[in-house]
Amino acid sequence: MAGTSRAEDLFAELVSGGEAAIDRFVSERRAEELFIDYKKSPDNGAGTKLHHIDRGHLDKAISGLDNSEGGLIVWGVTCQHDDLVGDVPTGKVPISNPLRFISWLEGAVSGCTLPPHAGVRHHAIKQARGDEGYAVTYIPKSTLAPHQCIIQPYRFRYYIRAGSNFEQAPRGVLAGMFGRQPVPSIFYMWGLGGTMTTGFWGVGGDLNQTEVNALRLSTSIDSQQRRCDGS
């Protein structure tokens, strides 16, 4: 679909296809990847509120997906690791009252990350018979990234999507997200009449005295070797 992201295309496919699209994902063993994650609710949405494990999954996914390229969670599908293709869906575990389940998800979004992600959308997929079904959460790439988790056990962490996993953002990646570009450190040395002058520019402050002494010693040894070699 022109002008849309991969995550948005997957969301549209599930919204328009309903349970048949979920059946197709399972039968085709469409593995978890950068844009899609499968989750089984611990209580299948049968409790009186969103299960704390579901809330934690939502928290981590919002941080990881909107700090990356966006993606979605399909709730109500079991997943198992396959050494050849990765984590693949193996079956459906329907959620009790999916409309109520997505209302819980919607109520939890604003309290998942800092800053909150206002672009998260949810869609309920009801089975043809009965009150059970599935839910899909679409998390677009955010313009306010990076988003920090604020729910335990992921509190104060920043995540990114790496393949089919959520990984903590490395320091360098996180610095780039905050708009701080890596800056090279430059050390200069010159000598005149046996006197060595040193200086330092870069991020993190000046070299300490131990580092300066080590560089001077290294330079002195190199100069002596050159004299012995006649150069």
C-alpha atoms as a PDB file:
ATOM      1  CA  MET A   1       0.000   0.000   0.000  1.00  0.00           C
ATOM      2  CA  ALA A   2       1.663   3.200  -1.194  1.00  0.00           C
ATOM      3  CA  GLY A   3       2.501   5.824   1.398  1.00  0.00           C
ATOM      4  CA  THR A   4       2.054   3.563   4.413  1.00  0.00           C
ATOM      5  CA  SER A   5       4.482   1.782   6.676  1.00  0.00           C
ATOM      6  CA  ARG A   6       4.897  -1.970   6.992  1.00  0.00           C
ATOM      7  CA  ALA A   7       3.306  -1.852  10.452  1.00  0.00           C
ATOM      8  CA  GLU A   8       0.316   0.090   9.159  1.00  0.00           C
ATOM      9  CA  ASP A   9      -0.139  -2.391   6.305  1.00  0.00           C
ATOM     10  CA  LEU A  10      -0.180  -5.313   8.756  1.00  0.00           C
ATOM     11  CA  PHE A  11      -2.692  -3.516  10.961  1.00  0.00           C
ATOM     12  CA  ALA A  12      -4.962  -2.840   7.995  1.00  0.00           C
ATOM     13  CA  GLU A  13      -4.690  -6.489   6.928  1.00  0.00           C
ATOM     14  CA  LEU A  14      -5.845  -7.698  10.343  1.00  0.00           C
ATOM     15  CA  VAL A  15      -8.600  -5.101  10.676  1.00  0.00           C
ATOM     16  CA  SER A  16     -10.076  -5.921   7.275  1.00  0.00           C
ATOM     17  CA  GLY A  17      -9.494  -9.679   7.469  1.00  0.00           C
ATOM     18  CA  GLY A  18     -10.647 -10.290  11.027  1.00  0.00           C
ATOM     19  CA  GLU A  19     -10.292 -13.792  12.445  1.00  0.00           C
ATOM     20  CA  ALA A  20      -9.610 -15.182   8.963  1.00  0.00           C
ATOM     21  CA  ALA A  21      -6.465 -13.036   8.812  1.00  0.00           C
ATOM     22  CA  ILE A  22      -5.332 -14.373  12.208  1.00  0.00           C
ATOM     23  CA  ASP A  23      -5.986 -17.931  10.980  1.00  0.00           C
ATOM     24  CA  ARG A  24      -3.843 -17.169   7.938  1.00  0.00           C
ATOM     25  CA  PHE A  25      -0.999 -15.795  10.055  1.00  0.00           C
ATOM     26  CA  VAL A  26      -1.062 -18.982  12.153  1.00  0.00           C
ATOM     27  CA  SER A  27      -1.355 -21.411   9.231  1.00  0.00           C
ATOM     28  CA  GLU A  28       1.415 -19.649   7.311  1.00  0.00           C
ATOM     29  CA  ARG A  29       3.545 -19.633  10.474  1.00  0.00           C
ATOM     30  CA  ARG A  30       4.182 -15.947   9.976  1.00  0.00           C
ATOM     31  CA  ALA A  31       7.033 -15.429  12.411  1.00  0.00           C
ATOM     32  CA  GLU A  32       7.505 -12.574  14.813  1.00  0.00           C
ATOM     33  CA  GLU A  33       9.756  -9.956  13.294  1.00  0.00           C
ATOM     34  CA  LEU A  34      10.559  -6.275  13.458  1.00  0.00           C
ATOM     35  CA  PHE A  35       6.923  -5.225  13.067  1.00  0.00           C
ATOM     36  CA  ILE A  36       4.793  -7.897  14.727  1.00  0.00           C
ATOM     37  CA  ASP A  37       4.633  -9.505  18.162  1.00  0.00           C
ATOM     38  CA  TYR A  38       2.205 -12.158  19.462  1.00  0.00           C
ATOM     39  CA  LYS A  39       0.960 -12.250  23.046  1.00  0.00           C
ATOM     40  CA  LYS A  40      -1.234 -14.612  25.056  1.00  0.00           C
ATOM     41  CA  SER A  41      -2.977 -12.959  27.986  1.00  0.00           C
ATOM     42  CA  PRO A  42      -2.291 -14.795  31.293  1.00  0.00           C
ATOM     43  CA  ASP A  43      -5.969 -14.690  32.256  1.00  0.00           C
ATOM     44  CA  ASN A  44      -7.341 -14.423  28.690  1.00  0.00           C
ATOM     45  CA  GLY A  45      -8.965 -11.129  29.637  1.00  0.00           C
ATOM     46  CA  ALA A  46     -11.338 -12.833  32.071  1.00  0.00           C
ATOM     47  CA  GLY A  47     -10.308 -10.770  35.117  1.00  0.00           C
ATOM     48  CA  THR A  48     -11.786  -7.547  36.423  1.00  0.00           C
ATOM     49  CA  LYS A  49      -8.978  -5.381  35.006  1.00  0.00           C
ATOM     50  CA  LEU A  50      -5.988  -5.598  32.676  1.00  0.00           C
ATOM     51  CA  HIS A  51      -3.590  -8.243  34.000  1.00  0.00           C
ATOM     52  CA  HIS A  52      -0.331  -6.748  35.267  1.00  0.00           C
ATOM     53  CA  ILE A  53       1.673  -8.961  32.871  1.00  0.00           C
ATOM     54  CA  ASP A  54      -0.374  -7.667  29.925  1.00  0.00           C
ATOM     55  CA  ARG A  55       0.263  -4.128  31.149  1.00  0.00           C
ATOM     56  CA  GLY A  56       3.989  -4.850  31.291  1.00  0.00           C
ATOM     57  CA  HIS A  57       3.949  -6.289  27.753  1.00  0.00           C
ATOM     58  CA  LEU A  58       2.140  -3.170  26.530  1.00  0.00           C
ATOM     59  CA  ASP A  59       4.616  -0.885  28.299  1.00  0.00           C
ATOM     60  CA  LYS A  60       7.653  -2.616  26.807  1.00  0.00           C
ATOM     61  CA  ALA A  61       6.121  -2.824  23.325  1.00  0.00           C
ATOM     62  CA  ILE A  62       5.188   0.857  23.199  1.00  0.00           C
ATOM     63  CA  SER A  63       8.729   1.858  24.146  1.00  0.00           C
ATOM     64  CA  GLY A  64      10.396  -0.696  21.848  1.00  0.00           C
ATOM     65  CA  LEU A  65       8.229  -0.225  18.775  1.00  0.00           C
ATOM     66  CA  ASP A  66       7.800   3.528  18.773  1.00  0.00           C
ATOM     67  CA  ASN A  67      11.533   3.957  19.404  1.00  0.00           C
ATOM     68  CA  SER A  68      12.078   1.847  16.263  1.00  0.00           C
ATOM     69  CA  GLU A  69       9.917   1.748  13.124  1.00  0.00           C
ATOM     70  CA  GLY A  70       6.556   1.020  14.721  1.00  0.00           C
ATOM     71  CA  GLY A  71       4.715  -2.301  14.844  1.00  0.00           C
ATOM     72  CA  LEU A  72       1.823  -4.165  16.360  1.00  0.00           C
ATOM     73  CA  ILE A  73       0.845  -6.708  19.009  1.00  0.00           C
ATOM     74  CA  VAL A  74      -1.668  -9.457  18.248  1.00  0.00           C
ATOM     75  CA  TRP A  75      -3.323 -10.472  21.514  1.00  0.00           C
ATOM     76  CA  GLY A  76      -4.758 -13.984  21.873  1.00  0.00           C
ATOM     77  CA  VAL A  77      -2.166 -15.962  19.900  1.00  0.00           C
ATOM     78  CA  THR A  78       0.395 -18.394  21.318  1.00  0.00           C
ATOM     79  CA  CYS A  79       3.936 -18.381  20.016  1.00  0.00           C
ATOM     80  CA  GLN A  80       6.768 -20.907  20.060  1.00  0.00           C
ATOM     81  CA  HIS A  81      10.417 -20.724  19.021  1.00  0.00           C
ATOM     82  CA  ASP A  82      11.493 -22.633  15.918  1.00  0.00           C
ATOM     83  CA  ASP A  83      15.252 -22.893  15.346  1.00  0.00           C
ATOM     84  CA  LEU A  84      14.813 -22.547  11.580  1.00  0.00           C
ATOM     85  CA  VAL A  85      12.396 -19.631  11.277  1.00  0.00           C
ATOM     86  CA  GLY A  86      12.275 -17.989  14.693  1.00  0.00           C
ATOM     87  CA  ASP A  87       9.257 -17.359  16.919  1.00  0.00           C
ATOM     88  CA  VAL A  88       6.127 -18.549  15.107  1.00  0.00           C
ATOM     89  CA  PRO A  89       2.428 -18.516  16.051  1.00  0.00           C
ATOM     90  CA  THR A  90       1.210 -21.989  16.996  1.00  0.00           C
ATOM     91  CA  GLY A  91      -2.435 -21.478  17.900  1.00  0.00           C
ATOM     92  CA  LYS A  92      -5.216 -19.187  19.061  1.00  0.00           C
ATOM     93  CA  VAL A  93      -6.202 -18.565  22.673  1.00  0.00           C
ATOM     94  CA  PRO A  94      -9.223 -16.249  22.402  1.00  0.00           C
ATOM     95  CA  ILE A  95      -9.718 -13.342  24.779  1.00  0.00           C
ATOM     96  CA  SER A  96     -12.906 -13.065  26.796  1.00  0.00           C
ATOM     97  CA  ASN A  97     -14.838  -9.952  25.712  1.00  0.00           C
ATOM     98  CA  PRO A  98     -12.247  -8.339  23.393  1.00  0.00           C
ATOM     99  CA  LEU A  99     -14.105  -5.000  23.395  1.00  0.00           C
ATOM    100  CA  ARG A 100     -13.635  -4.745  27.149  1.00  0.00           C
ATOM    101  CA  PHE A 101     -10.019  -5.856  26.761  1.00  0.00           C
ATOM    102  CA  ILE A 102      -9.164  -3.047  24.353  1.00  0.00           C
ATOM    103  CA  SER A 103     -10.879  -0.530  26.634  1.00  0.00           C
ATOM    104  CA  TRP A 104      -8.435  -1.637  29.350  1.00  0.00           C
ATOM    105  CA  LEU A 105      -5.548  -1.286  26.904  1.00  0.00           C
ATOM    106  CA  GLU A 106      -6.687   2.192  25.917  1.00  0.00           C
ATOM    107  CA  GLY A 107      -6.870   3.219  29.559  1.00  0.00           C
ATOM    108  CA  ALA A 108      -3.361   1.918  30.222  1.00  0.00           C
ATOM    109  CA  VAL A 109      -1.511   3.557  27.304  1.00  0.00           C
ATOM    110  CA  SER A 110      -1.033   7.008  28.800  1.00  0.00           C
ATOM    111  CA  GLY A 111       0.544   5.527  31.922  1.00  0.00           C
ATOM    112  CA  CYS A 112       2.996   3.235  30.120  1.00  0.00           C
ATOM    113  CA  THR A 113       5.726   5.534  28.857  1.00  0.00           C
ATOM    114  CA  LEU A 114       7.257   8.938  29.324  1.00  0.00           C
ATOM    115  CA  PRO A 115       6.329  10.835  27.254  1.00  0.00           C
ATOM    116  CA  PRO A 116       2.981   9.123  26.546  1.00  0.00           C
ATOM    117  CA  HIS A 117       2.382   7.928  22.989  1.00  0.00           C
ATOM    118  CA  ALA A 118      -0.845   9.480  21.718  1.00  0.00           C
ATOM    119  CA  GLY A 119      -0.832   7.579  18.415  1.00  0.00           C
ATOM    120  CA  VAL A 120      -1.446   4.047  19.758  1.00  0.00           C
ATOM    121  CA  ARG A 121      -4.600   2.405  18.358  1.00  0.00           C
ATOM    122  CA  HIS A 122      -6.459  -0.781  19.267  1.00  0.00           C
ATOM    123  CA  HIS A 123      -8.898  -2.956  17.351  1.00  0.00           C
ATOM    124  CA  ALA A 124     -11.094  -5.795  18.633  1.00  0.00           C
ATOM    125  CA  ILE A 125     -11.694  -8.863  16.452  1.00  0.00           C
ATOM    126  CA  LYS A 126     -14.743 -10.828  17.580  1.00  0.00           C
ATOM    127  CA  GLN A 127     -15.303 -14.462  16.739  1.00  0.00           C
ATOM    128  CA  ALA A 128     -18.342 -15.284  14.616  1.00  0.00           C
ATOM    129  CA  ARG A 129     -19.994 -16.944  17.609  1.00  0.00           C
ATOM    130  CA  GLY A 130     -19.831 -16.147  21.279  1.00  0.00           C
ATOM    131  CA  ASP A 131     -18.241 -13.272  23.151  1.00  0.00           C
ATOM    132  CA  GLU A 132     -14.601 -14.211  22.668  1.00  0.00           C
ATOM    133  CA  GLY A 133     -12.106 -12.866  20.172  1.00  0.00           C
ATOM    134  CA  TYR A 134      -8.753 -11.156  19.725  1.00  0.00           C
ATOM    135  CA  ALA A 135      -7.217  -7.703  19.944  1.00  0.00           C
ATOM    136  CA  VAL A 136      -4.646  -5.876  17.850  1.00  0.00           C
ATOM    137  CA  THR A 137      -2.580  -2.946  19.126  1.00  0.00           C
ATOM    138  CA  TYR A 138      -0.983  -0.707  16.502  1.00  0.00           C
ATOM    139  CA  ILE A 139       2.000   1.342  17.698  1.00  0.00           C
ATOM    140  CA  PRO A 140       3.262   3.776  15.042  1.00  0.00           C
ATOM    141  CA  LYS A 141       6.745   5.215  15.007  1.00  0.00           C
ATOM    142  CA  SER A 142       6.767   8.236  17.287  1.00  0.00           C
ATOM    143  CA  THR A 143       7.962  11.767  16.582  1.00  0.00           C
ATOM    144  CA  LEU A 144       8.566  12.211  20.322  1.00  0.00           C
ATOM    145  CA  ALA A 145      11.030   9.332  20.746  1.00  0.00           C
ATOM    146  CA  PRO A 146      12.715   8.160  22.827  1.00  0.00           C
ATOM    147  CA  HIS A 147       9.954   6.830  25.078  1.00  0.00           C
ATOM    148  CA  GLN A 148      10.903   5.520  28.509  1.00  0.00           C
ATOM    149  CA  CYS A 149       9.069   2.715  30.292  1.00  0.00           C
ATOM    150  CA  ILE A 150       7.519   3.774  33.598  1.00  0.00           C
ATOM    151  CA  ILE A 151       5.942   0.480  34.726  1.00  0.00           C
ATOM    152  CA  GLN A 152       7.755  -2.197  36.715  1.00  0.00           C
ATOM    153  CA  PRO A 153       9.708  -4.346  36.002  1.00  0.00           C
ATOM    154  CA  TYR A 154      10.828  -2.225  33.016  1.00  0.00           C
ATOM    155  CA  ARG A 155      10.752   1.157  34.742  1.00  0.00           C
ATOM    156  CA  PHE A 156      13.330   3.758  33.619  1.00  0.00           C
ATOM    157  CA  ARG A 157      14.399   1.607  30.656  1.00  0.00           C
ATOM    158  CA  TYR A 158      14.386   2.516  26.962  1.00  0.00           C
ATOM    159  CA  TYR A 159      13.766  -0.283  24.460  1.00  0.00           C
ATOM    160  CA  ILE A 160      14.165  -0.780  20.730  1.00  0.00           C
ATOM    161  CA  ARG A 161      12.962  -3.593  18.492  1.00  0.00           C
ATOM    162  CA  ALA A 162      15.760  -5.899  17.358  1.00  0.00           C
ATOM    163  CA  GLY A 163      14.456  -8.656  15.088  1.00  0.00           C
ATOM    164  CA  SER A 164      11.725 -10.397  17.080  1.00  0.00           C
ATOM    165  CA  ASN A 165      12.965  -9.173  20.469  1.00  0.00           C
ATOM    166  CA  PHE A 166      12.806  -6.034  22.552  1.00  0.00           C
ATOM    167  CA  GLU A 167      16.286  -4.992  23.656  1.00  0.00           C
ATOM    168  CA  GLN A 168      17.426  -2.153  25.877  1.00  0.00           C
ATOM    169  CA  ALA A 169      18.664   0.723  23.752  1.00  0.00           C
ATOM    170  CA  PRO A 170      22.480   0.969  23.758  1.00  0.00           C
ATOM    171  CA  ARG A 171      23.906   4.203  25.138  1.00  0.00           C
ATOM    172  CA  GLY A 172      25.064   5.433  21.741  1.00  0.00           C
ATOM    173  CA  VAL A 173      21.685   4.782  20.125  1.00  0.00           C
ATOM    174  CA  LEU A 174      19.914   6.506  22.991  1.00  0.00           C
ATOM    175  CA  ALA A 175      22.192   9.528  22.720  1.00  0.00           C
ATOM    176  CA  GLY A 176      21.336   9.781  19.015  1.00  0.00           C
ATOM    177  CA  MET A 177      17.613   9.653  19.832  1.00  0.00           C
ATOM    178  CA  PHE A 178      18.085  12.641  22.128  1.00  0.00           C
ATOM    179  CA  GLY A 179      19.703  14.484  19.220  1.00  0.00           C
ATOM    180  CA  ARG A 180      23.283  14.259  20.416  1.00  0.00           C
ATOM    181  CA  GLN A 181      25.554  13.290  17.570  1.00  0.00           C
ATOM    182  CA  PRO A 182      28.807  11.459  18.379  1.00  0.00           C
ATOM    183  CA  VAL A 183      31.741  13.923  18.441  1.00  0.00           C
ATOM    184  CA  PRO A 184      35.321  12.742  17.838  1.00  0.00           C
ATOM    185  CA  SER A 185      37.995  13.385  20.453  1.00  0.00           C
ATOM    186  CA  ILE A 186      41.191  14.963  19.065  1.00  0.00           C
ATOM    187  CA  PHE A 187      44.528  14.854  20.859  1.00  0.00           C
ATOM    188  CA  TYR A 188      47.354  16.979  19.581  1.00  0.00           C
ATOM    189  CA  MET A 189      51.109  16.877  20.345  1.00  0.00           C
ATOM    190  CA  TRP A 190      54.007  18.877  19.049  1.00  0.00           C
ATOM    191  CA  GLY A 191      57.566  19.407  20.166  1.00  0.00           C
ATOM    192  CA  LEU A 192      60.129  22.163  19.831  1.00  0.00           C
ATOM    193  CA  GLY A 193      63.612  22.134  21.341  1.00  0.00           C
ATOM    194  CA  GLY A 194      62.965  19.036  23.399  1.00  0.00           C
ATOM    195  CA  THR A 195      59.734  20.418  24.920  1.00  0.00           C
ATOM    196  CA  MET A 196      56.511  18.483  24.340  1.00  0.00           C
ATOM    197  CA  THR A 197      53.177  20.327  24.394  1.00  0.00           C
ATOM    198  CA  THR A 198      49.883  18.456  24.596  1.00  0.00           C
ATOM    199  CA  GLY A 199      46.230  19.342  24.339  1.00  0.00           C
ATOM    200  CA  PHE A 200      42.799  17.750  24.084  1.00  0.00           C
ATOM    201  CA  TRP A 201      39.445  18.526  22.547  1.00  0.00           C
ATOM    202  CA  GLY A 202      36.384  16.337  22.747  1.00  0.00           C
ATOM    203  CA  VAL A 203      33.403  15.206  24.726  1.00  0.00           C
ATOM    204  CA  GLY A 204      33.897  14.358  28.368  1.00  0.00           C
ATOM    205  CA  GLY A 205      36.531  16.949  29.406  1.00  0.00           C
ATOM    206  CA  ASP A 206      40.317  17.113  29.401  1.00  0.00           C
ATOM    207  CA  LEU A 207      42.680  14.189  29.741  1.00  0.00           C
ATOM    208  CA  ASN A 208      43.714  13.554  33.304  1.00  0.00           C
ATOM    209  CA  GLN A 209      47.351  13.901  34.351  1.00  0.00           C
ATOM    210  CA  THR A 210      47.973  10.143  34.280  1.00  0.00           C
ATOM    211  CA  GLU A 211      46.861   9.939  30.634  1.00  0.00           C
ATOM    212  CA  VAL A 212      48.995  12.946  29.677  1.00  0.00           C
ATOM    213  CA  ASN A 213      52.042  11.460  31.406  1.00  0.00           C
ATOM    214  CA  ALA A 214      51.529   8.153  29.646  1.00  0.00           C
ATOM    215  CA  LEU A 215      51.413   9.889  26.263  1.00  0.00           C
ATOM    216  CA  ARG A 216      54.549  11.888  27.063  1.00  0.00           C
ATOM    217  CA  LEU A 217      56.369   8.724  28.117  1.00  0.00           C
ATOM    218  CA  SER A 218      55.296   6.969  24.932  1.00  0.00           C
ATOM    219  CA  THR A 219      56.527   9.925  22.862  1.00  0.00           C
ATOM    220  CA  SER A 220      59.839  10.047  24.731  1.00  0.00           C
ATOM    221  CA  ILE A 221      60.478   6.333  24.159  1.00  0.00           C
ATOM    222  CA  ASP A 222      59.621   6.715  20.492  1.00  0.00           C
ATOM    223  CA  SER A 223      62.060   9.663  20.170  1.00  0.00           C
ATOM    224  CA  GLN A 224      64.864   7.674  21.804  1.00  0.00           C
ATOM    225  CA  GLN A 225      64.290   4.730  19.461  1.00  0.00           C
ATOM    226  CA  ARG A 226      64.469   7.057  16.483  1.00  0.00           C
ATOM    227  CA  ARG A 227      67.845   8.437  17.683  1.00  0.00           C
ATOM    228  CA  CYS A 228      69.211   4.878  18.121  1.00  0.00           C
ATOM    229  CA  ASP A 229      68.054   4.017  14.633  1.00  0.00           C
ATOM    230  CA  GLY A 230      69.727   7.127  13.286  1.00  0.00           C
ATOM    231  CA  SER A 231      66.481   8.536  11.989  1.00  0.00           C
END
